[in-house]
């Protein structure tokens, strides 16, 4: 339910609608518990509708003026194009990259493997 629809309703109509939605929410909760609920998103929609109706009812009871309804969206400001800076190139050297230093444990394991290969 849209807020504009709810604002057009009287307080009694809003209260009746909240009661109806609460009953539906109760039924959906049982369906979920028994594994029969197919449309799980309906629980979320009902919960938000109840909150929306209660908020509007509270505003009407307090006598707050209704907020202005937006007729159309304001035109978006033009996006500035991003300026891409060229990346500085790293000087490449002809030398191959050196290997990482091995730990003592991995050096021992390498020695054992090569010794095993040589003995065959």
C-alpha atoms as a PDB file:
ATOM      1  CA  UNK A   1       0.000   0.000   0.000  1.00  0.00           C
ATOM      2  CA  UNK A   2       1.313   3.401  -0.899  1.00  0.00           C
ATOM      3  CA  UNK A   3       1.454   6.240   1.591  1.00  0.00           C
ATOM      4  CA  UNK A   4      -0.716   8.429  -0.623  1.00  0.00           C
ATOM      5  CA  UNK A   5      -3.472   5.793  -0.505  1.00  0.00           C
ATOM      6  CA  UNK A   6      -3.255   5.617   3.282  1.00  0.00           C
ATOM      7  CA  UNK A   7      -3.370   9.399   3.657  1.00  0.00           C
ATOM      8  CA  UNK A   8      -6.640   9.454   1.747  1.00  0.00           C
ATOM      9  CA  UNK A   9      -8.213   7.065   4.290  1.00  0.00           C
ATOM     10  CA  UNK A  10      -9.971   8.071   7.495  1.00  0.00           C
ATOM     11  CA  UNK A  11      -8.640   7.026  10.893  1.00  0.00           C
ATOM     12  CA  UNK A  12     -11.277   4.278  11.202  1.00  0.00           C
ATOM     13  CA  UNK A  13     -10.373   2.896   7.797  1.00  0.00           C
ATOM     14  CA  UNK A  14      -6.671   2.937   8.717  1.00  0.00           C
ATOM     15  CA  UNK A  15      -7.377   1.082  11.975  1.00  0.00           C
ATOM     16  CA  UNK A  16      -9.427  -1.538  10.113  1.00  0.00           C
ATOM     17  CA  UNK A  17      -6.652  -1.975   7.553  1.00  0.00           C
ATOM     18  CA  UNK A  18      -4.030  -2.358  10.305  1.00  0.00           C
ATOM     19  CA  UNK A  19      -6.197  -5.026  11.961  1.00  0.00           C
ATOM     20  CA  UNK A  20      -6.575  -6.879   8.661  1.00  0.00           C
ATOM     21  CA  UNK A  21      -2.826  -6.739   8.027  1.00  0.00           C
ATOM     22  CA  UNK A  22      -2.060  -7.940  11.563  1.00  0.00           C
ATOM     23  CA  UNK A  23      -4.281 -10.995  10.979  1.00  0.00           C
ATOM     24  CA  UNK A  24      -2.516 -11.695   7.703  1.00  0.00           C
ATOM     25  CA  UNK A  25       0.853 -11.304   9.430  1.00  0.00           C
ATOM     26  CA  UNK A  26      -0.249 -13.827  12.078  1.00  0.00           C
ATOM     27  CA  UNK A  27      -1.261 -16.327   9.385  1.00  0.00           C
ATOM     28  CA  UNK A  28       2.020 -15.834   7.523  1.00  0.00           C
ATOM     29  CA  UNK A  29       3.963 -16.442  10.719  1.00  0.00           C
ATOM     30  CA  UNK A  30       2.198 -19.796  11.169  1.00  0.00           C
ATOM     31  CA  UNK A  31       2.770 -20.726   7.540  1.00  0.00           C
ATOM     32  CA  UNK A  32       6.478 -20.001   7.941  1.00  0.00           C
ATOM     33  CA  UNK A  33       6.658 -22.093  11.117  1.00  0.00           C
ATOM     34  CA  UNK A  34       5.016 -25.086   9.412  1.00  0.00           C
ATOM     35  CA  UNK A  35       7.047 -24.690   6.220  1.00  0.00           C
ATOM     36  CA  UNK A  36       4.052 -23.852   4.034  1.00  0.00           C
ATOM     37  CA  UNK A  37       5.020 -20.257   3.249  1.00  0.00           C
ATOM     38  CA  UNK A  38       5.795 -19.859  -0.436  1.00  0.00           C
ATOM     39  CA  UNK A  39       6.098 -16.083  -0.793  1.00  0.00           C
ATOM     40  CA  UNK A  40       8.541 -15.116   1.945  1.00  0.00           C
ATOM     41  CA  UNK A  41       8.790 -11.511   0.794  1.00  0.00           C
ATOM     42  CA  UNK A  42       5.146 -11.000   1.750  1.00  0.00           C
ATOM     43  CA  UNK A  43       6.107 -11.027   5.457  1.00  0.00           C
ATOM     44  CA  UNK A  44       8.360  -8.035   4.906  1.00  0.00           C
ATOM     45  CA  UNK A  45       5.764  -6.159   2.846  1.00  0.00           C
ATOM     46  CA  UNK A  46       3.066  -6.661   5.492  1.00  0.00           C
ATOM     47  CA  UNK A  47       5.374  -5.547   8.304  1.00  0.00           C
ATOM     48  CA  UNK A  48       6.260  -2.350   6.451  1.00  0.00           C
ATOM     49  CA  UNK A  49       2.639  -1.639   5.520  1.00  0.00           C
ATOM     50  CA  UNK A  50       1.601  -1.929   9.180  1.00  0.00           C
ATOM     51  CA  UNK A  51       4.368   0.474  10.188  1.00  0.00           C
ATOM     52  CA  UNK A  52       3.426   2.894   7.411  1.00  0.00           C
ATOM     53  CA  UNK A  53      -0.261   2.880   8.399  1.00  0.00           C
ATOM     54  CA  UNK A  54       0.525   3.319  12.095  1.00  0.00           C
ATOM     55  CA  UNK A  55       2.807   6.256  11.319  1.00  0.00           C
ATOM     56  CA  UNK A  56       0.180   7.972   9.191  1.00  0.00           C
ATOM     57  CA  UNK A  57      -2.508   7.332  11.823  1.00  0.00           C
ATOM     58  CA  UNK A  58      -0.289   8.856  14.525  1.00  0.00           C
ATOM     59  CA  UNK A  59       0.352  11.898  12.344  1.00  0.00           C
ATOM     60  CA  UNK A  60      -3.372  12.362  11.747  1.00  0.00           C
ATOM     61  CA  UNK A  61      -4.174  11.992  15.452  1.00  0.00           C
ATOM     62  CA  UNK A  62      -1.510  14.575  16.333  1.00  0.00           C
ATOM     63  CA  UNK A  63      -2.926  16.951  13.742  1.00  0.00           C
ATOM     64  CA  UNK A  64       0.365  17.241  11.893  1.00  0.00           C
ATOM     65  CA  UNK A  65       0.104  18.706   8.417  1.00  0.00           C
ATOM     66  CA  UNK A  66       0.413  16.193   5.623  1.00  0.00           C
ATOM     67  CA  UNK A  67       3.807  16.211   3.941  1.00  0.00           C
ATOM     68  CA  UNK A  68       3.918  17.490   0.407  1.00  0.00           C
ATOM     69  CA  UNK A  69       3.680  14.729  -2.172  1.00  0.00           C
ATOM     70  CA  UNK A  70       6.378  14.751  -4.811  1.00  0.00           C
ATOM     71  CA  UNK A  71       4.806  14.975  -8.239  1.00  0.00           C
ATOM     72  CA  UNK A  72       7.901  14.303 -10.283  1.00  0.00           C
ATOM     73  CA  UNK A  73      11.518  13.691  -9.605  1.00  0.00           C
ATOM     74  CA  UNK A  74      13.851  16.648  -9.901  1.00  0.00           C
ATOM     75  CA  UNK A  75      16.165  16.527 -12.898  1.00  0.00           C
ATOM     76  CA  UNK A  76      19.564  15.180 -12.017  1.00  0.00           C
ATOM     77  CA  UNK A  77      22.576  17.412 -12.270  1.00  0.00           C
ATOM     78  CA  UNK A  78      24.908  16.609 -15.091  1.00  0.00           C
ATOM     79  CA  UNK A  79      27.671  14.305 -14.034  1.00  0.00           C
ATOM     80  CA  UNK A  80      31.160  15.624 -14.563  1.00  0.00           C
ATOM     81  CA  UNK A  81      33.308  13.340 -16.655  1.00  0.00           C
ATOM     82  CA  UNK A  82      36.115  11.747 -14.694  1.00  0.00           C
ATOM     83  CA  UNK A  83      39.585  12.851 -15.592  1.00  0.00           C
ATOM     84  CA  UNK A  84      41.808   9.835 -15.862  1.00  0.00           C
ATOM     85  CA  UNK A  85      45.421  10.521 -15.135  1.00  0.00           C
ATOM     86  CA  UNK A  86      47.903   8.403 -17.058  1.00  0.00           C
ATOM     87  CA  UNK A  87      49.863   6.087 -14.833  1.00  0.00           C
ATOM     88  CA  UNK A  88      53.587   6.578 -14.652  1.00  0.00           C
ATOM     89  CA  UNK A  89      55.435   3.687 -16.190  1.00  0.00           C
ATOM     90  CA  UNK A  90      58.005   1.899 -14.098  1.00  0.00           C
ATOM     91  CA  UNK A  91      61.399   1.532 -15.702  1.00  0.00           C
ATOM     92  CA  UNK A  92      61.890  -2.107 -16.604  1.00  0.00           C
ATOM     93  CA  UNK A  93      65.241  -3.645 -16.017  1.00  0.00           C
ATOM     94  CA  UNK A  94      66.696  -6.451 -18.076  1.00  0.00           C
ATOM     95  CA  UNK A  95      67.602  -8.405 -14.957  1.00  0.00           C
ATOM     96  CA  UNK A  96      65.231 -11.206 -13.949  1.00  0.00           C
ATOM     97  CA  UNK A  97      63.498 -10.876 -10.633  1.00  0.00           C
ATOM     98  CA  UNK A  98      65.286 -12.607  -7.814  1.00  0.00           C
ATOM     99  CA  UNK A  99      63.630 -15.423  -5.936  1.00  0.00           C
ATOM    100  CA  UNK A 100      62.421 -14.978  -2.404  1.00  0.00           C
ATOM    101  CA  UNK A 101      64.839 -16.262   0.209  1.00  0.00           C
ATOM    102  CA  UNK A 102      63.824 -19.681   1.421  1.00  0.00           C
ATOM    103  CA  UNK A 103      63.226 -20.497   5.027  1.00  0.00           C
ATOM    104  CA  UNK A 104      65.480 -23.028   6.722  1.00  0.00           C
ATOM    105  CA  UNK A 105      62.695 -25.576   6.803  1.00  0.00           C
ATOM    106  CA  UNK A 106      61.962 -25.364   3.086  1.00  0.00           C
ATOM    107  CA  UNK A 107      65.709 -25.495   2.269  1.00  0.00           C
ATOM    108  CA  UNK A 108      66.031 -28.741   4.216  1.00  0.00           C
ATOM    109  CA  UNK A 109      63.003 -30.191   2.460  1.00  0.00           C
ATOM    110  CA  UNK A 110      64.523 -29.235  -0.894  1.00  0.00           C
ATOM    111  CA  UNK A 111      67.805 -30.911  -0.008  1.00  0.00           C
ATOM    112  CA  UNK A 112      66.015 -34.119   0.959  1.00  0.00           C
ATOM    113  CA  UNK A 113      64.057 -34.182  -2.301  1.00  0.00           C
ATOM    114  CA  UNK A 114      67.116 -33.641  -4.442  1.00  0.00           C
ATOM    115  CA  UNK A 115      69.063 -36.247  -2.499  1.00  0.00           C
ATOM    116  CA  UNK A 116      66.271 -38.732  -3.030  1.00  0.00           C
ATOM    117  CA  UNK A 117      66.233 -37.984  -6.771  1.00  0.00           C
ATOM    118  CA  UNK A 118      70.005 -38.398  -7.100  1.00  0.00           C
ATOM    119  CA  UNK A 119      70.043 -41.775  -5.367  1.00  0.00           C
ATOM    120  CA  UNK A 120      67.633 -43.319  -7.890  1.00  0.00           C
END
